[in-house]
């Protein structure tokens, strides 16, 4: 985006340079006597306008570079946040157990009820779970 704008500004700048050069050439050929001062004033006006545009162009380039740097900083921060969220998600999956095909009987069941149900399921499966294994779930 910023490169396109910069290229357009440079092209306009080059076109203006070319126009000014053409006008100067025409004016120098046509200039005689009293008209000479008016033509010189016109050329000076165009030259001043060109200088203003050129200064504005460099200002725009500086603003674009500053915005690009800011965008790169924000982009890298977003990437780091994304990586952090991904690792948090992966970490949480390491210590979770997902039971499927167990119907939910209460939308507002307490953690003690959930743990009790899990212990019953584990017992039926022949898996022994110690108190330390599920103590954290009760704190939630």
N, C-alpha and C. Protein backbone atom coordinates (compact mmCIF):
# COMPACT_ATOMS: atom_id res chain seq x y z
N UNK A 1 0.82 -1.19 0.00
CA UNK A 1 0.00 0.00 0.00
C UNK A 1 0.86 1.24 0.00
N UNK A 2 1.80 1.36 0.89
CA UNK A 2 2.63 2.54 0.98
C UNK A 2 3.55 2.65 -0.22
N UNK A 3 3.99 1.53 -0.78
CA UNK A 3 4.85 1.57 -1.94
C UNK A 3 4.09 2.09 -3.15
N UNK A 4 2.81 1.70 -3.29
CA UNK A 4 2.00 2.18 -4.40
C UNK A 4 1.82 3.69 -4.33
N UNK A 5 1.51 4.19 -3.17
CA UNK A 5 1.33 5.63 -2.99
C UNK A 5 2.63 6.35 -3.28
N UNK A 6 3.72 5.81 -2.80
CA UNK A 6 5.03 6.41 -3.01
C UNK A 6 5.36 6.43 -4.50
N UNK A 7 5.08 5.35 -5.20
CA UNK A 7 5.34 5.31 -6.64
C UNK A 7 4.49 6.32 -7.39
N UNK A 8 3.23 6.45 -7.00
CA UNK A 8 2.35 7.43 -7.64
C UNK A 8 2.86 8.85 -7.41
N UNK A 9 3.27 9.13 -6.19
CA UNK A 9 3.80 10.46 -5.89
C UNK A 9 5.07 10.73 -6.68
N UNK A 10 5.92 9.74 -6.80
CA UNK A 10 7.14 9.92 -7.57
C UNK A 10 6.83 10.16 -9.04
N UNK A 11 5.84 9.43 -9.58
CA UNK A 11 5.45 9.62 -10.97
C UNK A 11 4.89 11.01 -11.18
N UNK A 12 4.02 11.46 -10.29
CA UNK A 12 3.49 12.81 -10.38
C UNK A 12 4.62 13.83 -10.29
N UNK A 13 5.56 13.58 -9.43
CA UNK A 13 6.70 14.46 -9.27
C UNK A 13 7.51 14.53 -10.56
N UNK A 14 7.76 13.38 -11.17
CA UNK A 14 8.50 13.34 -12.42
C UNK A 14 7.73 14.05 -13.54
N UNK A 15 6.41 13.84 -13.57
CA UNK A 15 5.59 14.53 -14.57
C UNK A 15 5.66 16.04 -14.40
N UNK A 16 5.61 16.47 -13.16
CA UNK A 16 5.71 17.91 -12.91
C UNK A 16 7.07 18.46 -13.32
N UNK A 17 8.11 17.70 -13.05
CA UNK A 17 9.44 18.12 -13.48
C UNK A 17 9.49 18.29 -15.00
N UNK A 18 8.93 17.32 -15.68
CA UNK A 18 8.91 17.36 -17.14
C UNK A 18 8.11 18.56 -17.63
N UNK A 19 6.94 18.79 -17.03
CA UNK A 19 6.10 19.94 -17.42
C UNK A 19 6.84 21.25 -17.19
N UNK A 20 7.51 21.35 -16.07
CA UNK A 20 8.25 22.59 -15.76
C UNK A 20 9.37 22.80 -16.77
N UNK A 21 10.07 21.74 -17.09
CA UNK A 21 11.16 21.85 -18.07
C UNK A 21 10.61 22.28 -19.42
N UNK A 22 9.50 21.69 -19.85
CA UNK A 22 8.87 22.06 -21.12
C UNK A 22 8.44 23.52 -21.12
N UNK A 23 7.82 23.94 -20.02
CA UNK A 23 7.38 25.33 -19.92
C UNK A 23 8.55 26.29 -19.93
N UNK A 24 9.61 25.93 -19.24
CA UNK A 24 10.80 26.80 -19.24
C UNK A 24 11.36 26.95 -20.65
N UNK A 25 11.40 25.83 -21.37
CA UNK A 25 11.91 25.89 -22.74
C UNK A 25 11.03 26.76 -23.63
N UNK A 26 9.73 26.56 -23.54
CA UNK A 26 8.79 27.37 -24.32
C UNK A 26 8.89 28.84 -23.96
N UNK A 27 8.96 29.10 -22.68
CA UNK A 27 9.01 30.48 -22.24
C UNK A 27 10.30 31.17 -22.66
N UNK A 28 11.38 30.44 -22.60
CA UNK A 28 12.65 31.06 -23.01
C UNK A 28 12.65 31.38 -24.50
N UNK A 29 11.97 30.59 -25.31
CA UNK A 29 11.87 30.84 -26.75
C UNK A 29 10.94 32.02 -27.04
N UNK A 30 9.88 32.14 -26.27
CA UNK A 30 8.86 33.16 -26.52
C UNK A 30 9.18 34.49 -25.85
N UNK A 31 10.00 34.47 -24.86
CA UNK A 31 10.21 35.66 -24.03
C UNK A 31 10.92 36.78 -24.81
N UNK A 32 10.31 37.95 -24.75
CA UNK A 32 10.92 39.16 -25.33
C UNK A 32 10.42 40.36 -24.56
N UNK A 33 11.27 41.34 -24.33
CA UNK A 33 10.91 42.62 -23.74
C UNK A 33 10.14 42.54 -22.45
N UNK A 34 8.96 43.21 -22.37
CA UNK A 34 8.16 43.31 -21.15
C UNK A 34 7.51 41.99 -20.77
N UNK A 35 7.27 41.17 -21.77
CA UNK A 35 6.68 39.85 -21.49
C UNK A 35 7.66 38.96 -20.74
N UNK A 36 8.94 39.26 -20.88
CA UNK A 36 9.98 38.46 -20.26
C UNK A 36 9.81 38.40 -18.75
N UNK A 37 9.54 39.53 -18.12
CA UNK A 37 9.37 39.56 -16.66
C UNK A 37 8.15 38.73 -16.22
N UNK A 38 7.05 38.85 -16.95
CA UNK A 38 5.84 38.08 -16.63
C UNK A 38 6.11 36.59 -16.77
N UNK A 39 6.84 36.25 -17.81
CA UNK A 39 7.16 34.84 -18.01
C UNK A 39 8.10 34.33 -16.93
N UNK A 40 9.08 35.15 -16.55
CA UNK A 40 9.98 34.75 -15.48
C UNK A 40 9.22 34.58 -14.17
N UNK A 41 8.25 35.46 -13.92
CA UNK A 41 7.42 35.33 -12.71
C UNK A 41 6.62 34.03 -12.76
N UNK A 42 6.10 33.70 -13.92
CA UNK A 42 5.33 32.46 -14.07
C UNK A 42 6.22 31.24 -13.82
N UNK A 43 7.41 31.28 -14.40
CA UNK A 43 8.35 30.18 -14.22
C UNK A 43 8.75 30.06 -12.75
N UNK A 44 8.98 31.21 -12.13
CA UNK A 44 9.34 31.19 -10.71
C UNK A 44 8.20 30.61 -9.88
N UNK A 45 6.96 31.00 -10.22
CA UNK A 45 5.80 30.47 -9.51
C UNK A 45 5.75 28.95 -9.64
N UNK A 46 5.93 28.47 -10.87
CA UNK A 46 5.90 27.02 -11.09
C UNK A 46 7.05 26.33 -10.36
N UNK A 47 8.19 26.96 -10.35
CA UNK A 47 9.33 26.40 -9.65
C UNK A 47 9.07 26.32 -8.14
N UNK A 48 8.48 27.38 -7.61
CA UNK A 48 8.13 27.37 -6.18
C UNK A 48 7.11 26.28 -5.87
N UNK A 49 6.13 26.12 -6.74
CA UNK A 49 5.12 25.07 -6.55
C UNK A 49 5.78 23.69 -6.59
N UNK A 50 6.68 23.52 -7.51
CA UNK A 50 7.41 22.26 -7.61
C UNK A 50 8.18 21.96 -6.32
N UNK A 51 8.86 22.98 -5.80
CA UNK A 51 9.62 22.81 -4.56
C UNK A 51 8.70 22.42 -3.40
N UNK A 52 7.53 23.04 -3.34
CA UNK A 52 6.57 22.70 -2.28
C UNK A 52 6.12 21.25 -2.41
N UNK A 53 5.83 20.84 -3.63
CA UNK A 53 5.39 19.45 -3.86
C UNK A 53 6.51 18.49 -3.50
N UNK A 54 7.73 18.84 -3.88
CA UNK A 54 8.88 17.98 -3.58
C UNK A 54 9.06 17.84 -2.07
N UNK A 55 8.96 18.95 -1.34
CA UNK A 55 9.08 18.91 0.12
C UNK A 55 7.93 18.10 0.74
N UNK A 56 6.74 18.29 0.20
CA UNK A 56 5.60 17.51 0.69
C UNK A 56 5.78 16.04 0.42
N UNK A 57 6.37 15.72 -0.73
CA UNK A 57 6.61 14.32 -1.09
C UNK A 57 7.57 13.67 -0.10
N UNK A 58 8.63 14.36 0.27
CA UNK A 58 9.57 13.77 1.23
C UNK A 58 8.91 13.62 2.60
N UNK A 59 8.05 14.55 2.94
CA UNK A 59 7.31 14.44 4.20
C UNK A 59 6.39 13.22 4.18
N UNK A 60 5.73 13.01 3.06
CA UNK A 60 4.84 11.84 2.92
C UNK A 60 5.66 10.56 3.01
N UNK A 61 6.84 10.56 2.39
CA UNK A 61 7.70 9.37 2.45
C UNK A 61 8.10 9.07 3.89
N UNK A 62 8.43 10.10 4.64
CA UNK A 62 8.80 9.90 6.05
C UNK A 62 7.62 9.36 6.85
N UNK A 63 6.44 9.91 6.60
CA UNK A 63 5.24 9.43 7.30
C UNK A 63 4.96 7.97 6.96
N UNK A 64 5.13 7.63 5.68
CA UNK A 64 4.89 6.24 5.27
C UNK A 64 5.89 5.29 5.92
N UNK A 65 7.16 5.70 6.01
CA UNK A 65 8.16 4.86 6.65
C UNK A 65 7.84 4.69 8.13
N UNK A 66 7.41 5.78 8.78
CA UNK A 66 7.07 5.71 10.20
C UNK A 66 5.87 4.77 10.40
N UNK A 67 4.85 4.89 9.54
CA UNK A 67 3.67 4.03 9.66
C UNK A 67 4.02 2.57 9.35
N UNK A 68 4.90 2.36 8.40
CA UNK A 68 5.32 1.00 8.08
C UNK A 68 6.05 0.36 9.26
N UNK A 69 6.91 1.14 9.90
CA UNK A 69 7.63 0.62 11.07
C UNK A 69 6.65 0.28 12.19
N UNK A 70 5.68 1.16 12.39
CA UNK A 70 4.67 0.93 13.43
C UNK A 70 3.85 -0.32 13.11
N UNK A 71 3.47 -0.48 11.84
CA UNK A 71 2.71 -1.65 11.42
C UNK A 71 3.52 -2.93 11.63
N UNK A 72 4.80 -2.89 11.33
CA UNK A 72 5.66 -4.07 11.54
C UNK A 72 5.75 -4.41 13.02
N UNK A 73 5.83 -3.40 13.88
CA UNK A 73 5.88 -3.63 15.32
C UNK A 73 4.59 -4.28 15.80
N UNK A 74 3.47 -3.74 15.36
CA UNK A 74 2.17 -4.28 15.76
C UNK A 74 2.01 -5.70 15.24
N UNK A 75 2.44 -5.93 14.01
CA UNK A 75 2.34 -7.26 13.41
C UNK A 75 3.15 -8.28 14.20
N UNK A 76 4.36 -7.90 14.61
CA UNK A 76 5.17 -8.85 15.38
C UNK A 76 4.56 -9.11 16.75
N UNK A 77 3.94 -8.10 17.36
CA UNK A 77 3.27 -8.29 18.64
C UNK A 77 2.08 -9.24 18.49
N UNK A 78 1.32 -9.07 17.41
CA UNK A 78 0.17 -9.96 17.16
C UNK A 78 0.66 -11.39 16.96
N UNK A 79 1.77 -11.55 16.24
CA UNK A 79 2.32 -12.90 16.03
C UNK A 79 2.74 -13.53 17.36
N UNK A 80 3.38 -12.73 18.23
CA UNK A 80 3.79 -13.27 19.54
C UNK A 80 2.57 -13.64 20.38
N UNK A 81 1.53 -12.82 20.34
CA UNK A 81 0.30 -13.12 21.10
C UNK A 81 -0.32 -14.40 20.56
N UNK A 82 -0.34 -14.55 19.23
CA UNK A 82 -0.90 -15.75 18.62
C UNK A 82 -0.12 -16.99 19.06
N UNK A 83 1.20 -16.90 19.05
CA UNK A 83 2.03 -18.03 19.48
C UNK A 83 1.78 -18.35 20.96
N UNK A 84 1.65 -17.32 21.78
CA UNK A 84 1.40 -17.53 23.21
C UNK A 84 0.06 -18.21 23.43
N UNK A 85 -0.96 -17.74 22.72
CA UNK A 85 -2.29 -18.35 22.86
C UNK A 85 -2.26 -19.81 22.40
N UNK A 86 -1.54 -20.06 21.34
CA UNK A 86 -1.44 -21.43 20.85
C UNK A 86 -0.76 -22.33 21.87
N UNK A 87 0.33 -21.83 22.49
CA UNK A 87 1.02 -22.67 23.47
C UNK A 87 0.18 -22.83 24.73
N UNK A 88 -0.58 -21.82 25.11
CA UNK A 88 -1.48 -21.96 26.27
C UNK A 88 -2.54 -23.02 25.97
N UNK A 89 -3.09 -22.97 24.76
CA UNK A 89 -4.10 -23.95 24.37
C UNK A 89 -3.52 -25.36 24.38
N UNK A 90 -2.33 -25.52 23.80
CA UNK A 90 -1.69 -26.83 23.78
C UNK A 90 -1.38 -27.32 25.19
N UNK A 91 -0.91 -26.42 26.05
CA UNK A 91 -0.61 -26.78 27.42
C UNK A 91 -1.87 -27.25 28.15
N UNK A 92 -2.97 -26.54 27.95
CA UNK A 92 -4.20 -26.92 28.65
C UNK A 92 -4.72 -28.27 28.17
N UNK A 93 -4.50 -28.58 26.88
CA UNK A 93 -4.93 -29.88 26.37
C UNK A 93 -4.10 -31.02 26.95
N UNK A 94 -2.89 -30.77 27.35
CA UNK A 94 -2.04 -31.82 27.89
C UNK A 94 -2.61 -32.38 29.18
N UNK A 95 -3.28 -31.56 29.94
CA UNK A 95 -3.72 -31.96 31.28
C UNK A 95 -5.24 -32.08 31.39
N UNK A 96 -5.92 -32.12 30.28
CA UNK A 96 -7.36 -32.28 30.28
C UNK A 96 -7.74 -33.66 29.79
N UNK A 97 -8.87 -34.08 30.24
CA UNK A 97 -9.41 -35.36 29.81
C UNK A 97 -10.79 -35.08 29.27
N UNK A 98 -11.07 -35.57 28.09
CA UNK A 98 -12.37 -35.32 27.47
C UNK A 98 -13.15 -36.63 27.44
N UNK A 99 -14.29 -36.62 28.07
CA UNK A 99 -15.17 -37.79 28.07
C UNK A 99 -16.26 -37.56 27.04
N UNK A 100 -16.41 -38.49 26.14
CA UNK A 100 -17.43 -38.37 25.10
C UNK A 100 -18.55 -39.36 25.39
N UNK A 101 -19.69 -39.05 24.87
CA UNK A 101 -20.91 -39.86 25.02
C UNK A 101 -21.36 -39.99 26.48
N UNK A 102 -21.07 -38.96 27.24
CA UNK A 102 -21.59 -38.88 28.60
C UNK A 102 -22.59 -37.74 28.60
N UNK A 103 -23.84 -38.07 28.80
CA UNK A 103 -24.86 -37.03 28.71
C UNK A 103 -24.80 -36.10 29.91
N UNK A 104 -25.04 -34.84 29.63
CA UNK A 104 -25.01 -33.82 30.68
C UNK A 104 -26.40 -33.74 31.30
N UNK A 105 -26.44 -33.89 32.60
CA UNK A 105 -27.74 -33.89 33.28
C UNK A 105 -28.09 -32.53 33.87
N UNK A 106 -27.07 -31.72 34.13
CA UNK A 106 -27.31 -30.43 34.76
C UNK A 106 -26.36 -29.40 34.16
N UNK A 107 -26.92 -28.31 33.62
CA UNK A 107 -26.08 -27.28 33.01
C UNK A 107 -25.26 -26.51 34.04
N UNK A 108 -25.69 -26.53 35.29
CA UNK A 108 -25.04 -25.76 36.34
C UNK A 108 -24.44 -26.67 37.41
N UNK A 109 -23.93 -27.83 37.00
CA UNK A 109 -23.42 -28.75 38.01
C UNK A 109 -22.10 -28.23 38.58
N UNK A 110 -21.88 -28.54 39.84
CA UNK A 110 -20.69 -28.10 40.55
C UNK A 110 -19.52 -29.00 40.19
N UNK A 111 -18.32 -28.50 40.43
CA UNK A 111 -17.13 -29.28 40.09
C UNK A 111 -17.08 -30.58 40.88
N UNK A 112 -17.61 -30.55 42.13
CA UNK A 112 -17.61 -31.79 42.93
C UNK A 112 -18.46 -32.86 42.27
N UNK A 113 -19.58 -32.44 41.68
CA UNK A 113 -20.46 -33.40 41.01
C UNK A 113 -19.76 -33.98 39.77
N UNK A 114 -19.07 -33.12 39.03
CA UNK A 114 -18.35 -33.57 37.83
C UNK A 114 -17.25 -34.56 38.21
N UNK A 115 -16.50 -34.23 39.25
CA UNK A 115 -15.43 -35.12 39.70
C UNK A 115 -16.01 -36.45 40.15
N UNK A 116 -17.11 -36.41 40.88
CA UNK A 116 -17.74 -37.63 41.35
C UNK A 116 -18.17 -38.51 40.17
N UNK A 117 -18.76 -37.88 39.15
CA UNK A 117 -19.19 -38.63 37.97
C UNK A 117 -17.97 -39.25 37.27
N UNK A 118 -16.89 -38.48 37.14
CA UNK A 118 -15.67 -38.98 36.49
C UNK A 118 -15.09 -40.16 37.28
N UNK A 119 -15.06 -40.05 38.61
CA UNK A 119 -14.53 -41.13 39.43
C UNK A 119 -15.35 -42.41 39.26
N UNK A 120 -16.67 -42.25 39.16
CA UNK A 120 -17.52 -43.43 38.94
C UNK A 120 -17.20 -44.08 37.59
N UNK A 121 -17.03 -43.25 36.56
CA UNK A 121 -16.71 -43.78 35.23
C UNK A 121 -15.36 -44.48 35.26
N UNK A 122 -14.37 -43.85 35.89
CA UNK A 122 -13.04 -44.45 35.97
C UNK A 122 -13.08 -45.77 36.74
N UNK A 123 -13.86 -45.79 37.82
CA UNK A 123 -13.97 -47.01 38.64
C UNK A 123 -14.54 -48.15 37.81
N UNK A 124 -15.59 -47.82 36.99
CA UNK A 124 -16.20 -48.84 36.13
C UNK A 124 -15.21 -49.33 35.07
N UNK A 125 -14.30 -48.47 34.68
CA UNK A 125 -13.28 -48.83 33.68
C UNK A 125 -12.11 -49.56 34.33
N UNK A 126 -12.07 -49.59 35.67
CA UNK A 126 -10.98 -50.25 36.36
C UNK A 126 -9.75 -49.37 36.52
N UNK A 127 -9.95 -48.06 36.47
CA UNK A 127 -8.84 -47.13 36.62
C UNK A 127 -8.92 -46.50 37.99
N UNK A 128 -7.80 -46.58 38.75
CA UNK A 128 -7.75 -45.96 40.07
C UNK A 128 -7.22 -44.53 39.91
N UNK A 129 -7.95 -43.57 40.49
CA UNK A 129 -7.53 -42.16 40.47
C UNK A 129 -7.39 -41.71 41.91
N UNK A 130 -6.22 -41.19 42.23
CA UNK A 130 -5.99 -40.74 43.60
C UNK A 130 -6.58 -39.36 43.81
N UNK A 131 -6.67 -38.98 45.08
CA UNK A 131 -7.22 -37.68 45.45
C UNK A 131 -6.37 -36.55 44.88
N UNK A 132 -5.07 -36.73 44.82
CA UNK A 132 -4.18 -35.69 44.30
C UNK A 132 -4.42 -35.45 42.82
N UNK A 133 -4.83 -36.50 42.11
CA UNK A 133 -5.04 -36.38 40.67
C UNK A 133 -6.21 -35.46 40.33
N UNK A 134 -7.23 -35.44 41.17
CA UNK A 134 -8.39 -34.63 40.83
C UNK A 134 -8.58 -33.46 41.79
N UNK A 135 -7.68 -33.23 42.69
CA UNK A 135 -7.83 -32.14 43.67
C UNK A 135 -7.90 -30.77 42.98
N UNK A 136 -7.16 -30.60 41.93
CA UNK A 136 -7.14 -29.29 41.24
C UNK A 136 -8.51 -28.98 40.67
N UNK A 137 -9.21 -29.99 40.17
CA UNK A 137 -10.53 -29.78 39.55
C UNK A 137 -11.50 -29.24 40.59
N UNK A 138 -11.36 -29.62 41.83
CA UNK A 138 -12.26 -29.12 42.86
C UNK A 138 -12.03 -27.66 43.19
N UNK A 139 -10.84 -27.18 42.93
CA UNK A 139 -10.54 -25.77 43.20
C UNK A 139 -11.14 -24.84 42.15
N UNK A 140 -11.45 -25.33 40.98
CA UNK A 140 -12.00 -24.50 39.90
C UNK A 140 -13.39 -24.01 40.17
